[in-house]
Amino acid sequence: MALLLREALGDSLRRTRVSQSRTLREVSNTARVSLGYLSEVERGRKEASSELLNAICDALAVPLAAVLYDVSETMSDAPVRADSVEVDKAAHISDETRVVIPAPAPRALAAA
């Protein structure tokens, strides 16, 4: 079974909290989230909103970007079964593809 994003996020948050020798209660109070909900997030049972993730990261004094990086590393190392991935070859974009978004044209000043 493939690793879910919410599970990887929960694992990362729990590892961070435990490495700081902090309790669920301490972090939940600081983040202003219920202890039960934080527990569910850490166990990968609940999807945390970006606002909630930010509050938890603030409570842990760790940048959200660091947690997301940890999650991306974890997920990239997770084994993926070939039959669990559907690839639409027509929609595939290679690493060589570059998208350039032009800057907006300057607005002409209205004549006074």
C-alpha atoms as a PDB file:
ATOM      1  CA  MET A   1       0.000   0.000   0.000  1.00  0.00           C
ATOM      2  CA  ALA A   2       1.335   3.450  -0.924  1.00  0.00           C
ATOM      3  CA  LEU A   3       2.174   5.966   1.780  1.00  0.00           C
ATOM      4  CA  LEU A   4      -0.442   8.714   2.054  1.00  0.00           C
ATOM      5  CA  LEU A   5       0.506  12.374   2.339  1.00  0.00           C
ATOM      6  CA  ARG A   6      -1.402  12.793   5.603  1.00  0.00           C
ATOM      7  CA  GLU A   7       0.492   9.822   7.085  1.00  0.00           C
ATOM      8  CA  ALA A   8       3.875  11.215   6.045  1.00  0.00           C
ATOM      9  CA  LEU A   9       2.958  14.649   7.464  1.00  0.00           C
ATOM     10  CA  GLY A  10       1.851  13.089  10.741  1.00  0.00           C
ATOM     11  CA  ASP A  11       5.028  11.027  11.013  1.00  0.00           C
ATOM     12  CA  SER A  12       7.193  14.083  10.410  1.00  0.00           C
ATOM     13  CA  LEU A  13       5.327  16.179  12.970  1.00  0.00           C
ATOM     14  CA  ARG A  14       5.472  13.417  15.563  1.00  0.00           C
ATOM     15  CA  ARG A  15       9.214  12.825  15.013  1.00  0.00           C
ATOM     16  CA  THR A  16       9.820  16.550  15.434  1.00  0.00           C
ATOM     17  CA  ARG A  17       7.755  16.737  18.617  1.00  0.00           C
ATOM     18  CA  VAL A  18       9.369  13.645  20.141  1.00  0.00           C
ATOM     19  CA  SER A  19      12.870  14.873  19.245  1.00  0.00           C
ATOM     20  CA  GLN A  20      12.079  18.002  21.283  1.00  0.00           C
ATOM     21  CA  SER A  21      10.886  15.847  24.215  1.00  0.00           C
ATOM     22  CA  ARG A  22       7.520  17.624  24.098  1.00  0.00           C
ATOM     23  CA  THR A  23       4.134  16.162  24.898  1.00  0.00           C
ATOM     24  CA  LEU A  24       1.039  16.251  22.746  1.00  0.00           C
ATOM     25  CA  ARG A  25      -0.580  18.426  25.406  1.00  0.00           C
ATOM     26  CA  GLU A  26       2.210  21.031  25.289  1.00  0.00           C
ATOM     27  CA  VAL A  27       2.120  21.308  21.508  1.00  0.00           C
ATOM     28  CA  SER A  28      -1.682  21.267  21.302  1.00  0.00           C
ATOM     29  CA  ASN A  29      -1.913  24.094  23.860  1.00  0.00           C
ATOM     30  CA  THR A  30       0.698  26.191  22.065  1.00  0.00           C
ATOM     31  CA  ALA A  31      -0.845  25.534  18.631  1.00  0.00           C
ATOM     32  CA  ARG A  32      -4.369  26.089  19.998  1.00  0.00           C
ATOM     33  CA  VAL A  33      -5.658  22.812  18.606  1.00  0.00           C
ATOM     34  CA  SER A  34      -7.377  20.090  20.579  1.00  0.00           C
ATOM     35  CA  LEU A  35      -5.146  17.342  21.904  1.00  0.00           C
ATOM     36  CA  GLY A  36      -7.332  14.698  20.246  1.00  0.00           C
ATOM     37  CA  TYR A  37      -7.195  16.385  16.857  1.00  0.00           C
ATOM     38  CA  LEU A  38      -3.420  16.800  17.020  1.00  0.00           C
ATOM     39  CA  SER A  39      -3.145  13.123  17.893  1.00  0.00           C
ATOM     40  CA  GLU A  40      -5.286  12.218  14.867  1.00  0.00           C
ATOM     41  CA  VAL A  41      -3.107  14.396  12.619  1.00  0.00           C
ATOM     42  CA  GLU A  42       0.072  12.755  13.926  1.00  0.00           C
ATOM     43  CA  ARG A  43      -1.385   9.299  13.331  1.00  0.00           C
ATOM     44  CA  GLY A  44      -2.297  10.234   9.759  1.00  0.00           C
ATOM     45  CA  ARG A  45      -6.023   9.871  10.381  1.00  0.00           C
ATOM     46  CA  LYS A  46      -6.977  13.508   9.747  1.00  0.00           C
ATOM     47  CA  GLU A  47      -6.099  15.846   6.893  1.00  0.00           C
ATOM     48  CA  ALA A  48      -4.666  19.023   8.377  1.00  0.00           C
ATOM     49  CA  SER A  49      -5.421  22.346   6.702  1.00  0.00           C
ATOM     50  CA  SER A  50      -2.533  24.602   5.751  1.00  0.00           C
ATOM     51  CA  GLU A  51      -3.511  26.933   8.602  1.00  0.00           C
ATOM     52  CA  LEU A  52      -3.436  24.084  11.108  1.00  0.00           C
ATOM     53  CA  LEU A  53      -0.103  22.796   9.778  1.00  0.00           C
ATOM     54  CA  ASN A  54       1.326  26.290  10.117  1.00  0.00           C
ATOM     55  CA  ALA A  55       0.066  26.579  13.707  1.00  0.00           C
ATOM     56  CA  ILE A  56       1.570  23.194  14.624  1.00  0.00           C
ATOM     57  CA  CYS A  57       4.886  24.090  12.990  1.00  0.00           C
ATOM     58  CA  ASP A  58       4.923  27.426  14.836  1.00  0.00           C
ATOM     59  CA  ALA A  59       4.268  25.588  18.102  1.00  0.00           C
ATOM     60  CA  LEU A  60       7.180  23.256  17.312  1.00  0.00           C
ATOM     61  CA  ALA A  61       9.374  26.216  16.232  1.00  0.00           C
ATOM     62  CA  VAL A  62      10.116  24.505  12.931  1.00  0.00           C
ATOM     63  CA  PRO A  63       9.513  26.017   9.485  1.00  0.00           C
ATOM     64  CA  LEU A  64       6.640  24.472   7.555  1.00  0.00           C
ATOM     65  CA  ALA A  65       9.029  24.242   4.600  1.00  0.00           C
ATOM     66  CA  ALA A  66      11.325  21.971   6.646  1.00  0.00           C
ATOM     67  CA  VAL A  67       8.434  19.634   7.441  1.00  0.00           C
ATOM     68  CA  LEU A  68       7.319  19.581   3.810  1.00  0.00           C
ATOM     69  CA  TYR A  69      10.890  18.859   2.709  1.00  0.00           C
ATOM     70  CA  ASP A  70      11.084  15.976   5.194  1.00  0.00           C
ATOM     71  CA  VAL A  71       7.762  14.652   3.890  1.00  0.00           C
ATOM     72  CA  SER A  72       8.924  14.886   0.271  1.00  0.00           C
ATOM     73  CA  GLU A  73      12.102  12.975   1.124  1.00  0.00           C
ATOM     74  CA  THR A  74      10.090  10.313   2.946  1.00  0.00           C
ATOM     75  CA  MET A  75       7.613   9.949   0.114  1.00  0.00           C
ATOM     76  CA  SER A  76      10.313   9.809  -2.554  1.00  0.00           C
ATOM     77  CA  ASP A  77      11.997   6.973  -0.645  1.00  0.00           C
ATOM     78  CA  ALA A  78       8.737   5.035  -0.204  1.00  0.00           C
ATOM     79  CA  PRO A  79       8.368   2.058  -2.522  1.00  0.00           C
ATOM     80  CA  VAL A  80       5.712   2.479  -5.184  1.00  0.00           C
ATOM     81  CA  ARG A  81       3.933  -0.497  -6.680  1.00  0.00           C
ATOM     82  CA  ALA A  82       3.668  -0.282 -10.451  1.00  0.00           C
ATOM     83  CA  ASP A  83       0.019  -1.302 -10.372  1.00  0.00           C
ATOM     84  CA  SER A  84      -0.860   1.540  -7.967  1.00  0.00           C
ATOM     85  CA  VAL A  85       0.186   4.284 -10.368  1.00  0.00           C
ATOM     86  CA  GLU A  86      -1.797   5.261 -13.423  1.00  0.00           C
ATOM     87  CA  VAL A  87       0.099   7.289 -15.968  1.00  0.00           C
ATOM     88  CA  ASP A  88      -1.596   9.234 -18.696  1.00  0.00           C
ATOM     89  CA  LYS A  89       1.160   9.242 -21.311  1.00  0.00           C
ATOM     90  CA  ALA A  90      -0.502  12.021 -23.288  1.00  0.00           C
ATOM     91  CA  ALA A  91      -0.458  14.272 -20.230  1.00  0.00           C
ATOM     92  CA  HIS A  92       3.128  13.447 -19.256  1.00  0.00           C
ATOM     93  CA  ILE A  93       5.434  16.426 -19.102  1.00  0.00           C
ATOM     94  CA  SER A  94       9.129  15.649 -19.370  1.00  0.00           C
ATOM     95  CA  ASP A  95      11.860  17.258 -17.313  1.00  0.00           C
ATOM     96  CA  GLU A  96      12.858  19.100 -20.483  1.00  0.00           C
ATOM     97  CA  THR A  97       9.565  21.025 -20.635  1.00  0.00           C
ATOM     98  CA  ARG A  98       9.784  24.625 -19.539  1.00  0.00           C
ATOM     99  CA  VAL A  99       6.874  26.993 -19.067  1.00  0.00           C
ATOM    100  CA  VAL A 100       7.555  30.690 -19.415  1.00  0.00           C
ATOM    101  CA  ILE A 101       5.004  33.182 -18.182  1.00  0.00           C
ATOM    102  CA  PRO A 102       5.633  36.592 -19.690  1.00  0.00           C
ATOM    103  CA  ALA A 103       5.613  39.656 -17.474  1.00  0.00           C
ATOM    104  CA  PRO A 104       2.581  41.889 -17.935  1.00  0.00           C
ATOM    105  CA  ALA A 105       3.064  44.742 -20.384  1.00  0.00           C
ATOM    106  CA  PRO A 106       3.441  48.153 -18.747  1.00  0.00           C
ATOM    107  CA  ARG A 107       0.276  50.212 -18.791  1.00  0.00           C
ATOM    108  CA  ALA A 108       0.324  53.394 -20.850  1.00  0.00           C
ATOM    109  CA  LEU A 109      -0.212  56.514 -18.804  1.00  0.00           C
ATOM    110  CA  ALA A 110      -3.419  58.326 -19.624  1.00  0.00           C
ATOM    111  CA  ALA A 111      -2.891  61.732 -21.194  1.00  0.00           C
ATOM    112  CA  ALA A 112      -3.795  64.512 -18.815  1.00  0.00           C
END
